[in-house]
Protein backbone atom coordinates (compact mmCIF):
# COMPACT_ATOMS: atom_id res chain seq x y z
CA UNK A 1 0.00 0.00 0.00
CA UNK A 2 1.39 3.38 -1.02
CA UNK A 3 1.13 5.58 2.11
CA UNK A 4 3.59 8.49 1.85
CA UNK A 5 1.93 10.41 4.71
CA UNK A 6 1.88 7.40 7.08
CA UNK A 7 -1.70 8.16 8.13
CA UNK A 8 -3.80 5.74 6.09
CA UNK A 9 -5.70 4.51 9.17
CA UNK A 10 -6.65 8.03 10.26
CA UNK A 11 -7.13 9.85 6.92
CA UNK A 12 -7.72 7.18 4.26
CA UNK A 13 -5.85 6.58 1.04
CA UNK A 14 -3.69 9.61 0.18
CA UNK A 15 -5.74 11.81 2.53
CA UNK A 16 -8.71 11.88 0.16
CA UNK A 17 -11.44 14.34 1.06
CA UNK A 18 -13.87 11.63 2.22
CA UNK A 19 -11.27 9.60 4.13
CA UNK A 20 -12.03 6.50 2.08
CA UNK A 21 -9.80 3.44 2.59
CA UNK A 22 -11.29 1.06 0.03
CA UNK A 23 -9.11 1.40 -3.09
CA UNK A 24 -11.91 0.40 -5.46
CA UNK A 25 -14.09 3.17 -4.08
CA UNK A 26 -11.16 5.61 -4.25
CA UNK A 27 -10.63 4.72 -7.92
CA UNK A 28 -14.31 5.34 -8.65
CA UNK A 29 -14.20 8.66 -6.76
CA UNK A 30 -11.13 9.71 -8.77
CA UNK A 31 -12.84 8.80 -12.03
CA UNK A 32 -16.06 10.60 -11.08
CA UNK A 33 -14.13 13.68 -10.00
CA UNK A 34 -12.08 13.66 -13.19
CA UNK A 35 -15.14 13.52 -15.43
CA UNK A 36 -17.09 16.03 -13.33
CA UNK A 37 -14.30 18.63 -13.59
CA UNK A 38 -13.17 17.97 -17.14
CA UNK A 39 -15.24 20.71 -18.78
CA UNK A 40 -14.14 23.33 -16.21
CA UNK A 41 -10.52 22.28 -16.53
CA UNK A 42 -10.61 22.42 -20.32
CA UNK A 43 -12.26 25.85 -20.23
CA UNK A 44 -9.57 27.07 -17.83
CA UNK A 45 -6.79 25.66 -19.99
CA UNK A 46 -8.25 27.10 -23.18
CA UNK A 47 -7.79 30.60 -21.71
CA UNK A 48 -4.10 29.98 -21.01
CA UNK A 49 -1.19 30.32 -23.40
CA UNK A 50 1.10 27.51 -22.25
CA UNK A 51 3.06 24.58 -23.54
CA UNK A 52 1.42 21.16 -23.60
CA UNK A 53 3.63 19.94 -20.73
CA UNK A 54 2.69 22.91 -18.56
CA UNK A 55 -1.00 22.48 -19.38
CA UNK A 56 -0.88 18.78 -18.55
CA UNK A 57 0.92 19.47 -15.29
CA UNK A 58 -1.56 22.17 -14.25
CA UNK A 59 -4.52 19.94 -15.07
CA UNK A 60 -3.07 17.10 -13.02
CA UNK A 61 -2.49 19.48 -10.09
CA UNK A 62 -6.07 20.76 -10.43
CA UNK A 63 -7.51 17.24 -10.32
CA UNK A 64 -5.33 16.07 -7.45
CA UNK A 65 -5.93 19.21 -5.40
CA UNK A 66 -9.67 18.89 -5.88
CA UNK A 67 -9.65 15.22 -4.88
CA UNK A 68 -7.44 15.62 -1.82
CA UNK A 69 -8.46 19.07 -0.58
CA UNK A 70 -11.93 19.69 -1.98
CA UNK A 71 -13.00 22.11 -4.77
CA UNK A 72 -10.34 24.50 -6.03
CA UNK A 73 -10.97 28.00 -7.38
CA UNK A 74 -9.81 28.32 -10.99
CA UNK A 75 -10.36 32.03 -11.57
C-alpha atoms as a PDB file:
ATOM      1  CA  UNK A   1       0.000   0.000   0.000  1.00  0.00           C
ATOM      2  CA  UNK A   2       1.395   3.375  -1.018  1.00  0.00           C
ATOM      3  CA  UNK A   3       1.132   5.578   2.112  1.00  0.00           C
ATOM      4  CA  UNK A   4       3.591   8.492   1.854  1.00  0.00           C
ATOM      5  CA  UNK A   5       1.931  10.407   4.711  1.00  0.00           C
ATOM      6  CA  UNK A   6       1.884   7.398   7.079  1.00  0.00           C
ATOM      7  CA  UNK A   7      -1.697   8.160   8.130  1.00  0.00           C
ATOM      8  CA  UNK A   8      -3.800   5.735   6.088  1.00  0.00           C
ATOM      9  CA  UNK A   9      -5.701   4.514   9.172  1.00  0.00           C
ATOM     10  CA  UNK A  10      -6.649   8.026  10.256  1.00  0.00           C
ATOM     11  CA  UNK A  11      -7.128   9.852   6.919  1.00  0.00           C
ATOM     12  CA  UNK A  12      -7.719   7.177   4.264  1.00  0.00           C
ATOM     13  CA  UNK A  13      -5.848   6.580   1.037  1.00  0.00           C
ATOM     14  CA  UNK A  14      -3.687   9.613   0.177  1.00  0.00           C
ATOM     15  CA  UNK A  15      -5.744  11.807   2.529  1.00  0.00           C
ATOM     16  CA  UNK A  16      -8.708  11.881   0.156  1.00  0.00           C
ATOM     17  CA  UNK A  17     -11.440  14.341   1.061  1.00  0.00           C
ATOM     18  CA  UNK A  18     -13.874  11.628   2.221  1.00  0.00           C
ATOM     19  CA  UNK A  19     -11.267   9.601   4.132  1.00  0.00           C
ATOM     20  CA  UNK A  20     -12.028   6.498   2.079  1.00  0.00           C
ATOM     21  CA  UNK A  21      -9.805   3.437   2.592  1.00  0.00           C
ATOM     22  CA  UNK A  22     -11.294   1.057   0.026  1.00  0.00           C
ATOM     23  CA  UNK A  23      -9.114   1.400  -3.087  1.00  0.00           C
ATOM     24  CA  UNK A  24     -11.907   0.397  -5.460  1.00  0.00           C
ATOM     25  CA  UNK A  25     -14.089   3.174  -4.084  1.00  0.00           C
ATOM     26  CA  UNK A  26     -11.161   5.613  -4.254  1.00  0.00           C
ATOM     27  CA  UNK A  27     -10.631   4.718  -7.921  1.00  0.00           C
ATOM     28  CA  UNK A  28     -14.313   5.345  -8.654  1.00  0.00           C
ATOM     29  CA  UNK A  29     -14.196   8.659  -6.762  1.00  0.00           C
ATOM     30  CA  UNK A  30     -11.130   9.709  -8.766  1.00  0.00           C
ATOM     31  CA  UNK A  31     -12.845   8.803 -12.027  1.00  0.00           C
ATOM     32  CA  UNK A  32     -16.063  10.604 -11.080  1.00  0.00           C
ATOM     33  CA  UNK A  33     -14.126  13.685 -10.001  1.00  0.00           C
ATOM     34  CA  UNK A  34     -12.075  13.665 -13.189  1.00  0.00           C
ATOM     35  CA  UNK A  35     -15.137  13.517 -15.429  1.00  0.00           C
ATOM     36  CA  UNK A  36     -17.086  16.034 -13.330  1.00  0.00           C
ATOM     37  CA  UNK A  37     -14.297  18.631 -13.589  1.00  0.00           C
ATOM     38  CA  UNK A  38     -13.167  17.969 -17.135  1.00  0.00           C
ATOM     39  CA  UNK A  39     -15.237  20.715 -18.777  1.00  0.00           C
ATOM     40  CA  UNK A  40     -14.143  23.331 -16.207  1.00  0.00           C
ATOM     41  CA  UNK A  41     -10.518  22.281 -16.528  1.00  0.00           C
ATOM     42  CA  UNK A  42     -10.613  22.418 -20.320  1.00  0.00           C
ATOM     43  CA  UNK A  43     -12.263  25.852 -20.225  1.00  0.00           C
ATOM     44  CA  UNK A  44      -9.575  27.067 -17.828  1.00  0.00           C
ATOM     45  CA  UNK A  45      -6.794  25.660 -19.985  1.00  0.00           C
ATOM     46  CA  UNK A  46      -8.246  27.103 -23.177  1.00  0.00           C
ATOM     47  CA  UNK A  47      -7.794  30.596 -21.710  1.00  0.00           C
ATOM     48  CA  UNK A  48      -4.101  29.981 -21.013  1.00  0.00           C
ATOM     49  CA  UNK A  49      -1.194  30.321 -23.400  1.00  0.00           C
ATOM     50  CA  UNK A  50       1.096  27.511 -22.249  1.00  0.00           C
ATOM     51  CA  UNK A  51       3.057  24.579 -23.536  1.00  0.00           C
ATOM     52  CA  UNK A  52       1.416  21.158 -23.602  1.00  0.00           C
ATOM     53  CA  UNK A  53       3.631  19.941 -20.735  1.00  0.00           C
ATOM     54  CA  UNK A  54       2.689  22.911 -18.562  1.00  0.00           C
ATOM     55  CA  UNK A  55      -0.999  22.475 -19.379  1.00  0.00           C
ATOM     56  CA  UNK A  56      -0.878  18.781 -18.552  1.00  0.00           C
ATOM     57  CA  UNK A  57       0.919  19.475 -15.289  1.00  0.00           C
ATOM     58  CA  UNK A  58      -1.564  22.171 -14.246  1.00  0.00           C
ATOM     59  CA  UNK A  59      -4.525  19.944 -15.073  1.00  0.00           C
ATOM     60  CA  UNK A  60      -3.065  17.105 -13.018  1.00  0.00           C
ATOM     61  CA  UNK A  61      -2.493  19.478 -10.089  1.00  0.00           C
ATOM     62  CA  UNK A  62      -6.070  20.759 -10.429  1.00  0.00           C
ATOM     63  CA  UNK A  63      -7.513  17.242 -10.318  1.00  0.00           C
ATOM     64  CA  UNK A  64      -5.329  16.074  -7.447  1.00  0.00           C
ATOM     65  CA  UNK A  65      -5.931  19.205  -5.397  1.00  0.00           C
ATOM     66  CA  UNK A  66      -9.666  18.891  -5.882  1.00  0.00           C
ATOM     67  CA  UNK A  67      -9.649  15.220  -4.881  1.00  0.00           C
ATOM     68  CA  UNK A  68      -7.445  15.621  -1.817  1.00  0.00           C
ATOM     69  CA  UNK A  69      -8.458  19.072  -0.581  1.00  0.00           C
ATOM     70  CA  UNK A  70     -11.934  19.695  -1.981  1.00  0.00           C
ATOM     71  CA  UNK A  71     -12.996  22.109  -4.775  1.00  0.00           C
ATOM     72  CA  UNK A  72     -10.337  24.497  -6.030  1.00  0.00           C
ATOM     73  CA  UNK A  73     -10.965  28.004  -7.378  1.00  0.00           C
ATOM     74  CA  UNK A  74      -9.810  28.316 -10.992  1.00  0.00           C
ATOM     75  CA  UNK A  75     -10.361  32.029 -11.569  1.00  0.00           C
END
